[in-house]
Amino acid sequence: MSKYLAPLGVFVGGSLVLLVAFLFMPAIGTAGETLAADTAAIAGTFWNWGWVVGSVKLWVFLALWLVVLYGTAKAFLAVK
């Protein structure tokens, strides 16, 4: 029975890790603002550069969430 609950455990565990990562979001936002300030000279070279470096918190959240979903899918497929 526990092997069938493994995907749920991976999902809940990953969600808890994501909640812990929310504690670091202000520091990640500060790092993103620093990155935007340091790369202001090349902002005109790349299309939409300001939005990309301005939303570092979003990119970190999406990356972590995709890792959780990938791990859950992998655990779900390993149940067979």
PDB file of N, CA and C in Angstrom:
ATOM      1  N   MET A   1       0.815  -1.197   0.000  1.00  0.00           N
ATOM      2  CA  MET A   1       0.000   0.000   0.000  1.00  0.00           C
ATOM      3  C   MET A   1       0.862   1.266   0.000  1.00  0.00           C
ATOM      4  N   SER A   2       1.990   1.212   0.671  1.00  0.00           N
ATOM      5  CA  SER A   2       2.809   2.421   0.758  1.00  0.00           C
ATOM      6  C   SER A   2       3.406   2.809  -0.586  1.00  0.00           C
ATOM      7  N   LYS A   3       3.609   1.826  -1.467  1.00  0.00           N
ATOM      8  CA  LYS A   3       4.161   2.180  -2.773  1.00  0.00           C
ATOM      9  C   LYS A   3       3.151   2.967  -3.600  1.00  0.00           C
ATOM     10  N   TYR A   4       1.864   2.775  -3.329  1.00  0.00           N
ATOM     11  CA  TYR A   4       0.844   3.531  -4.048  1.00  0.00           C
ATOM     12  C   TYR A   4       0.700   4.948  -3.498  1.00  0.00           C
ATOM     13  N   LEU A   5       1.156   5.164  -2.278  1.00  0.00           N
ATOM     14  CA  LEU A   5       1.099   6.499  -1.689  1.00  0.00           C
ATOM     15  C   LEU A   5       2.390   7.291  -1.903  1.00  0.00           C
ATOM     16  N   ALA A   6       3.372   6.679  -2.550  1.00  0.00           N
ATOM     17  CA  ALA A   6       4.656   7.351  -2.785  1.00  0.00           C
ATOM     18  C   ALA A   6       4.494   8.635  -3.604  1.00  0.00           C
ATOM     19  N   PRO A   7       3.689   8.643  -4.676  1.00  0.00           N
ATOM     20  CA  PRO A   7       3.533   9.914  -5.412  1.00  0.00           C
ATOM     21  C   PRO A   7       2.927  11.023  -4.544  1.00  0.00           C
ATOM     22  N   LEU A   8       2.006  10.654  -3.673  1.00  0.00           N
ATOM     23  CA  LEU A   8       1.423  11.652  -2.777  1.00  0.00           C
ATOM     24  C   LEU A   8       2.483  12.181  -1.817  1.00  0.00           C
ATOM     25  N   GLY A   9       3.330  11.302  -1.325  1.00  0.00           N
ATOM     26  CA  GLY A   9       4.409  11.728  -0.437  1.00  0.00           C
ATOM     27  C   GLY A   9       5.389  12.653  -1.130  1.00  0.00           C
ATOM     28  N   VAL A  10       5.708  12.344  -2.380  1.00  0.00           N
ATOM     29  CA  VAL A  10       6.618  13.204  -3.146  1.00  0.00           C
ATOM     30  C   VAL A  10       5.975  14.570  -3.366  1.00  0.00           C
ATOM     31  N   PHE A  11       4.694  14.578  -3.689  1.00  0.00           N
ATOM     32  CA  PHE A  11       4.000  15.834  -3.943  1.00  0.00           C
ATOM     33  C   PHE A  11       3.908  16.688  -2.684  1.00  0.00           C
ATOM     34  N   VAL A  12       3.520  16.083  -1.581  1.00  0.00           N
ATOM     35  CA  VAL A  12       3.394  16.826  -0.319  1.00  0.00           C
ATOM     36  C   VAL A  12       4.770  17.281   0.168  1.00  0.00           C
ATOM     37  N   GLY A  13       5.768  16.413   0.075  1.00  0.00           N
ATOM     38  CA  GLY A  13       7.119  16.794   0.478  1.00  0.00           C
ATOM     39  C   GLY A  13       7.666  17.929  -0.371  1.00  0.00           C
ATOM     40  N   GLY A  14       7.446  17.858  -1.669  1.00  0.00           N
ATOM     41  CA  GLY A  14       7.893  18.931  -2.557  1.00  0.00           C
ATOM     42  C   GLY A  14       7.165  20.232  -2.291  1.00  0.00           C
ATOM     43  N   SER A  15       5.883  20.141  -1.973  1.00  0.00           N
ATOM     44  CA  SER A  15       5.126  21.349  -1.643  1.00  0.00           C
ATOM     45  C   SER A  15       5.635  21.976  -0.351  1.00  0.00           C
ATOM     46  N   LEU A  16       6.015  21.155   0.601  1.00  0.00           N
ATOM     47  CA  LEU A  16       6.587  21.682   1.839  1.00  0.00           C
ATOM     48  C   LEU A  16       7.933  22.356   1.581  1.00  0.00           C
ATOM     49  N   VAL A  17       8.734  21.769   0.708  1.00  0.00           N
ATOM     50  CA  VAL A  17      10.007  22.398   0.328  1.00  0.00           C
ATOM     51  C   VAL A  17       9.738  23.736  -0.350  1.00  0.00           C
ATOM     52  N   LEU A  18       8.701  23.791  -1.161  1.00  0.00           N
ATOM     53  CA  LEU A  18       8.344  25.044  -1.824  1.00  0.00           C
ATOM     54  C   LEU A  18       7.893  26.094  -0.809  1.00  0.00           C
ATOM     55  N   LEU A  19       7.192  25.669   0.233  1.00  0.00           N
ATOM     56  CA  LEU A  19       6.812  26.601   1.286  1.00  0.00           C
ATOM     57  C   LEU A  19       8.035  27.154   2.012  1.00  0.00           C
ATOM     58  N   VAL A  20       9.037  26.312   2.232  1.00  0.00           N
ATOM     59  CA  VAL A  20      10.277  26.777   2.857  1.00  0.00           C
ATOM     60  C   VAL A  20      10.998  27.745   1.919  1.00  0.00           C
ATOM     61  N   ALA A  21      10.930  27.474   0.628  1.00  0.00           N
ATOM     62  CA  ALA A  21      11.581  28.370  -0.346  1.00  0.00           C
ATOM     63  C   ALA A  21      10.930  29.755  -0.343  1.00  0.00           C
ATOM     64  N   PHE A  22       9.645  29.834   0.030  1.00  0.00           N
ATOM     65  CA  PHE A  22       8.986  31.134   0.107  1.00  0.00           C
ATOM     66  C   PHE A  22       9.629  32.031   1.158  1.00  0.00           C
ATOM     67  N   LEU A  23      10.276  31.436   2.152  1.00  0.00           N
ATOM     68  CA  LEU A  23      10.972  32.236   3.154  1.00  0.00           C
ATOM     69  C   LEU A  23      12.135  33.014   2.547  1.00  0.00           C
ATOM     70  N   PHE A  24      12.705  32.478   1.475  1.00  0.00           N
ATOM     71  CA  PHE A  24      13.848  33.103   0.838  1.00  0.00           C
ATOM     72  C   PHE A  24      13.466  34.003  -0.332  1.00  0.00           C
ATOM     73  N   MET A  25      12.189  34.140  -0.622  1.00  0.00           N
ATOM     74  CA  MET A  25      11.766  34.949  -1.760  1.00  0.00           C
ATOM     75  C   MET A  25      12.157  36.422  -1.650  1.00  0.00           C
ATOM     76  N   PRO A  26      12.108  37.038  -0.463  1.00  0.00           N
ATOM     77  CA  PRO A  26      12.586  38.437  -0.411  1.00  0.00           C
ATOM     78  C   PRO A  26      14.064  38.572  -0.781  1.00  0.00           C
ATOM     79  N   ALA A  27      14.883  37.634  -0.341  1.00  0.00           N
ATOM     80  CA  ALA A  27      16.306  37.679  -0.701  1.00  0.00           C
ATOM     81  C   ALA A  27      16.499  37.422  -2.190  1.00  0.00           C
ATOM     82  N   ILE A  28      15.694  36.535  -2.750  1.00  0.00           N
ATOM     83  CA  ILE A  28      15.773  36.264  -4.183  1.00  0.00           C
ATOM     84  C   ILE A  28      15.333  37.497  -4.969  1.00  0.00           C
ATOM     85  N   GLY A  29      14.306  38.191  -4.474  1.00  0.00           N
ATOM     86  CA  GLY A  29      13.862  39.424  -5.129  1.00  0.00           C
ATOM     87  C   GLY A  29      14.931  40.502  -5.094  1.00  0.00           C
ATOM     88  N   THR A  30      15.628  40.606  -3.972  1.00  0.00           N
ATOM     89  CA  THR A  30      16.719  41.573  -3.870  1.00  0.00           C
ATOM     90  C   THR A  30      17.843  41.232  -4.845  1.00  0.00           C
ATOM     91  N   ALA A  31      18.142  39.944  -4.959  1.00  0.00           N
ATOM     92  CA  ALA A  31      19.173  39.522  -5.917  1.00  0.00           C
ATOM     93  C   ALA A  31      18.739  39.828  -7.346  1.00  0.00           C
ATOM     94  N   GLY A  32      17.447  39.671  -7.630  1.00  0.00           N
ATOM     95  CA  GLY A  32      16.939  40.005  -8.954  1.00  0.00           C
ATOM     96  C   GLY A  32      17.035  41.480  -9.252  1.00  0.00           C
ATOM     97  N   GLU A  33      16.752  42.321  -8.250  1.00  0.00           N
ATOM     98  CA  GLU A  33      16.871  43.766  -8.446  1.00  0.00           C
ATOM     99  C   GLU A  33      18.326  44.162  -8.657  1.00  0.00           C
ATOM    100  N   THR A  34      19.229  43.512  -7.937  1.00  0.00           N
ATOM    101  CA  THR A  34      20.655  43.775  -8.125  1.00  0.00           C
ATOM    102  C   THR A  34      21.095  43.358  -9.520  1.00  0.00           C
ATOM    103  N   LEU A  35      20.594  42.215  -9.980  1.00  0.00           N
ATOM    104  CA  LEU A  35      20.904  41.759 -11.327  1.00  0.00           C
ATOM    105  C   LEU A  35      20.397  42.748 -12.366  1.00  0.00           C
ATOM    106  N   ALA A  36      19.197  43.261 -12.156  1.00  0.00           N
ATOM    107  CA  ALA A  36      18.639  44.238 -13.104  1.00  0.00           C
ATOM    108  C   ALA A  36      19.478  45.507 -13.128  1.00  0.00           C
ATOM    109  N   ALA A  37      19.938  45.940 -11.964  1.00  0.00           N
ATOM    110  CA  ALA A  37      20.756  47.155 -11.911  1.00  0.00           C
ATOM    111  C   ALA A  37      22.131  46.932 -12.540  1.00  0.00           C
ATOM    112  N   ASP A  38      22.701  45.753 -12.308  1.00  0.00           N
ATOM    113  CA  ASP A  38      24.037  45.469 -12.848  1.00  0.00           C
ATOM    114  C   ASP A  38      24.033  45.262 -14.350  1.00  0.00           C
ATOM    115  N   THR A  39      22.910  44.825 -14.891  1.00  0.00           N
ATOM    116  CA  THR A  39      22.843  44.540 -16.328  1.00  0.00           C
ATOM    117  C   THR A  39      22.029  45.591 -17.083  1.00  0.00           C
ATOM    118  N   ALA A  40      21.857  46.771 -16.496  1.00  0.00           N
ATOM    119  CA  ALA A  40      21.068  47.820 -17.142  1.00  0.00           C
ATOM    120  C   ALA A  40      21.698  48.285 -18.455  1.00  0.00           C
ATOM    121  N   ALA A  41      22.995  48.154 -18.557  1.00  0.00           N
ATOM    122  CA  ALA A  41      23.673  48.621 -19.779  1.00  0.00           C
ATOM    123  C   ALA A  41      23.329  47.765 -20.995  1.00  0.00           C
ATOM    124  N   ILE A  42      23.029  46.485 -20.771  1.00  0.00           N
ATOM    125  CA  ILE A  42      22.716  45.615 -21.907  1.00  0.00           C
ATOM    126  C   ILE A  42      21.218  45.378 -22.068  1.00  0.00           C
ATOM    127  N   ALA A  43      20.409  46.084 -21.277  1.00  0.00           N
ATOM    128  CA  ALA A  43      18.960  45.875 -21.328  1.00  0.00           C
ATOM    129  C   ALA A  43      18.387  46.190 -22.708  1.00  0.00           C
ATOM    130  N   GLY A  44      18.959  47.136 -23.404  1.00  0.00           N
ATOM    131  CA  GLY A  44      18.467  47.480 -24.734  1.00  0.00           C
ATOM    132  C   GLY A  44      18.840  46.475 -25.801  1.00  0.00           C
ATOM    133  N   THR A  45      19.831  45.656 -25.516  1.00  0.00           N
ATOM    134  CA  THR A  45      20.289  44.666 -26.491  1.00  0.00           C
ATOM    135  C   THR A  45      19.324  43.496 -26.607  1.00  0.00           C
ATOM    136  N   PHE A  46      18.779  43.078 -25.475  1.00  0.00           N
ATOM    137  CA  PHE A  46      17.911  41.898 -25.452  1.00  0.00           C
ATOM    138  C   PHE A  46      16.469  42.322 -25.242  1.00  0.00           C
ATOM    139  N   TRP A  47      15.602  41.765 -26.060  1.00  0.00           N
ATOM    140  CA  TRP A  47      14.188  42.097 -25.999  1.00  0.00           C
ATOM    141  C   TRP A  47      13.608  41.634 -24.667  1.00  0.00           C
ATOM    142  N   ASN A  48      12.919  42.496 -23.973  1.00  0.00           N
ATOM    143  CA  ASN A  48      12.208  42.215 -22.731  1.00  0.00           C
ATOM    144  C   ASN A  48      13.124  41.824 -21.582  1.00  0.00           C
ATOM    145  N   TRP A  49      14.349  42.285 -21.613  1.00  0.00           N
ATOM    146  CA  TRP A  49      15.330  41.937 -20.575  1.00  0.00           C
ATOM    147  C   TRP A  49      14.893  42.424 -19.194  1.00  0.00           C
ATOM    148  N   GLY A  50      14.312  43.582 -19.138  1.00  0.00           N
ATOM    149  CA  GLY A  50      13.876  44.128 -17.850  1.00  0.00           C
ATOM    150  C   GLY A  50      12.825  43.265 -17.182  1.00  0.00           C
ATOM    151  N   TRP A  51      11.915  42.686 -17.970  1.00  0.00           N
ATOM    152  CA  TRP A  51      10.891  41.825 -17.398  1.00  0.00           C
ATOM    153  C   TRP A  51      11.492  40.511 -16.913  1.00  0.00           C
ATOM    154  N   VAL A  52      12.430  39.985 -17.662  1.00  0.00           N
ATOM    155  CA  VAL A  52      13.034  38.698 -17.302  1.00  0.00           C
ATOM    156  C   VAL A  52      13.793  38.805 -15.992  1.00  0.00           C
ATOM    157  N   VAL A  53      14.641  39.806 -15.857  1.00  0.00           N
ATOM    158  CA  VAL A  53      15.421  39.931 -14.622  1.00  0.00           C
ATOM    159  C   VAL A  53      14.584  40.523 -13.494  1.00  0.00           C
ATOM    160  N   GLY A  54      13.501  41.178 -13.822  1.00  0.00           N
ATOM    161  CA  GLY A  54      12.626  41.723 -12.789  1.00  0.00           C
ATOM    162  C   GLY A  54      11.715  40.695 -12.152  1.00  0.00           C
ATOM    163  N   SER A  55      11.554  39.565 -12.796  1.00  0.00           N
ATOM    164  CA  SER A  55      10.661  38.534 -12.270  1.00  0.00           C
ATOM    165  C   SER A  55      11.432  37.267 -11.913  1.00  0.00           C
ATOM    166  N   VAL A  56      12.547  37.446 -11.255  1.00  0.00           N
ATOM    167  CA  VAL A  56      13.377  36.301 -10.855  1.00  0.00           C
ATOM    168  C   VAL A  56      12.621  35.411  -9.874  1.00  0.00           C
ATOM    169  N   LYS A  57      11.827  36.027  -8.994  1.00  0.00           N
ATOM    170  CA  LYS A  57      11.056  35.223  -8.032  1.00  0.00           C
ATOM    171  C   LYS A  57      10.083  34.293  -8.749  1.00  0.00           C
ATOM    172  N   LEU A  58       9.470  34.786  -9.820  1.00  0.00           N
ATOM    173  CA  LEU A  58       8.564  33.945 -10.602  1.00  0.00           C
ATOM    174  C   LEU A  58       9.305  32.785 -11.235  1.00  0.00           C
ATOM    175  N   TRP A  59      10.474  33.049 -11.810  1.00  0.00           N
ATOM    176  CA  TRP A  59      11.242  31.980 -12.458  1.00  0.00           C
ATOM    177  C   TRP A  59      11.689  30.928 -11.450  1.00  0.00           C
ATOM    178  N   VAL A  60      12.097  31.359 -10.263  1.00  0.00           N
ATOM    179  CA  VAL A  60      12.509  30.403  -9.226  1.00  0.00           C
ATOM    180  C   VAL A  60      11.318  29.568  -8.788  1.00  0.00           C
ATOM    181  N   PHE A  61      10.167  30.205  -8.577  1.00  0.00           N
ATOM    182  CA  PHE A  61       8.967  29.474  -8.188  1.00  0.00           C
ATOM    183  C   PHE A  61       8.569  28.457  -9.256  1.00  0.00           C
ATOM    184  N   LEU A  62       8.567  28.872 -10.515  1.00  0.00           N
ATOM    185  CA  LEU A  62       8.188  27.953 -11.593  1.00  0.00           C
ATOM    186  C   LEU A  62       9.169  26.788 -11.723  1.00  0.00           C
ATOM    187  N   ALA A  63      10.447  27.062 -11.562  1.00  0.00           N
ATOM    188  CA  ALA A  63      11.448  25.994 -11.652  1.00  0.00           C
ATOM    189  C   ALA A  63      11.255  24.984 -10.531  1.00  0.00           C
ATOM    190  N   LEU A  64      11.050  25.473  -9.314  1.00  0.00           N
ATOM    191  CA  LEU A  64      10.846  24.550  -8.192  1.00  0.00           C
ATOM    192  C   LEU A  64       9.546  23.754  -8.352  1.00  0.00           C
ATOM    193  N   TRP A  65       8.503  24.420  -8.818  1.00  0.00           N
ATOM    194  CA  TRP A  65       7.225  23.733  -8.998  1.00  0.00           C
ATOM    195  C   TRP A  65       7.329  22.663 -10.096  1.00  0.00           C
ATOM    196  N   LEU A  66       8.066  22.956 -11.160  1.00  0.00           N
ATOM    197  CA  LEU A  66       8.253  21.957 -12.215  1.00  0.00           C
ATOM    198  C   LEU A  66       9.076  20.774 -11.721  1.00  0.00           C
ATOM    199  N   VAL A  67      10.027  21.012 -10.834  1.00  0.00           N
ATOM    200  CA  VAL A  67      10.795  19.907 -10.241  1.00  0.00           C
ATOM    201  C   VAL A  67       9.878  19.035  -9.390  1.00  0.00           C
ATOM    202  N   VAL A  68       8.989  19.655  -8.632  1.00  0.00           N
ATOM    203  CA  VAL A  68       8.035  18.889  -7.815  1.00  0.00           C
ATOM    204  C   VAL A  68       7.112  18.066  -8.709  1.00  0.00           C
ATOM    205  N   LEU A  69       6.598  18.670  -9.764  1.00  0.00           N
ATOM    206  CA  LEU A  69       5.697  17.938 -10.663  1.00  0.00           C
ATOM    207  C   LEU A  69       6.418  16.821 -11.394  1.00  0.00           C
ATOM    208  N   TYR A  70       7.679  17.054 -11.778  1.00  0.00           N
ATOM    209  CA  TYR A  70       8.456  16.009 -12.437  1.00  0.00           C
ATOM    210  C   TYR A  70       8.698  14.833 -11.486  1.00  0.00           C
ATOM    211  N   GLY A  71       9.063  15.141 -10.255  1.00  0.00           N
ATOM    212  CA  GLY A  71       9.281  14.079  -9.273  1.00  0.00           C
ATOM    213  C   GLY A  71       8.010  13.312  -8.975  1.00  0.00           C
ATOM    214  N   THR A  72       6.893  13.996  -8.903  1.00  0.00           N
ATOM    215  CA  THR A  72       5.611  13.336  -8.670  1.00  0.00           C
ATOM    216  C   THR A  72       5.248  12.433  -9.842  1.00  0.00           C
ATOM    217  N   ALA A  73       5.441  12.910 -11.052  1.00  0.00           N
ATOM    218  CA  ALA A  73       5.136  12.092 -12.235  1.00  0.00           C
ATOM    219  C   ALA A  73       6.045  10.867 -12.287  1.00  0.00           C
ATOM    220  N   LYS A  74       7.309  11.063 -11.959  1.00  0.00           N
ATOM    221  CA  LYS A  74       8.241   9.937 -11.959  1.00  0.00           C
ATOM    222  C   LYS A  74       7.864   8.896 -10.919  1.00  0.00           C
ATOM    223  N   ALA A  75       7.464   9.352  -9.726  1.00  0.00           N
ATOM    224  CA  ALA A  75       7.025   8.431  -8.679  1.00  0.00           C
ATOM    225  C   ALA A  75       5.724   7.749  -9.078  1.00  0.00           C
ATOM    226  N   PHE A  76       4.850   8.466  -9.746  1.00  0.00           N
ATOM    227  CA  PHE A  76       3.584   7.892 -10.189  1.00  0.00           C
ATOM    228  C   PHE A  76       3.818   6.801 -11.249  1.00  0.00           C
ATOM    229  N   LEU A  77       4.742   7.050 -12.153  1.00  0.00           N
ATOM    230  CA  LEU A  77       5.021   6.054 -13.192  1.00  0.00           C
ATOM    231  C   LEU A  77       5.807   4.863 -12.651  1.00  0.00           C
ATOM    232  N   ALA A  78       6.485   5.036 -11.541  1.00  0.00           N
ATOM    233  CA  ALA A  78       7.251   3.933 -10.940  1.00  0.00           C
ATOM    234  C   ALA A  78       6.365   2.986 -10.140  1.00  0.00           C
ATOM    235  N   VAL A  79       5.115   3.317  -9.960  1.00  0.00           N
ATOM    236  CA  VAL A  79       4.206   2.468  -9.182  1.00  0.00           C
ATOM    237  C   VAL A  79       3.930   1.156  -9.887  1.00  0.00           C
ATOM    238  N   LYS A  80       3.975   1.161 -11.195  1.00  0.00           N
ATOM    239  CA  LYS A  80       3.665  -0.062 -11.956  1.00  0.00           C
ATOM    240  C   LYS A  80       4.434  -1.188 -11.468  1.00  0.00           C
TER     241      LYS A  80
END
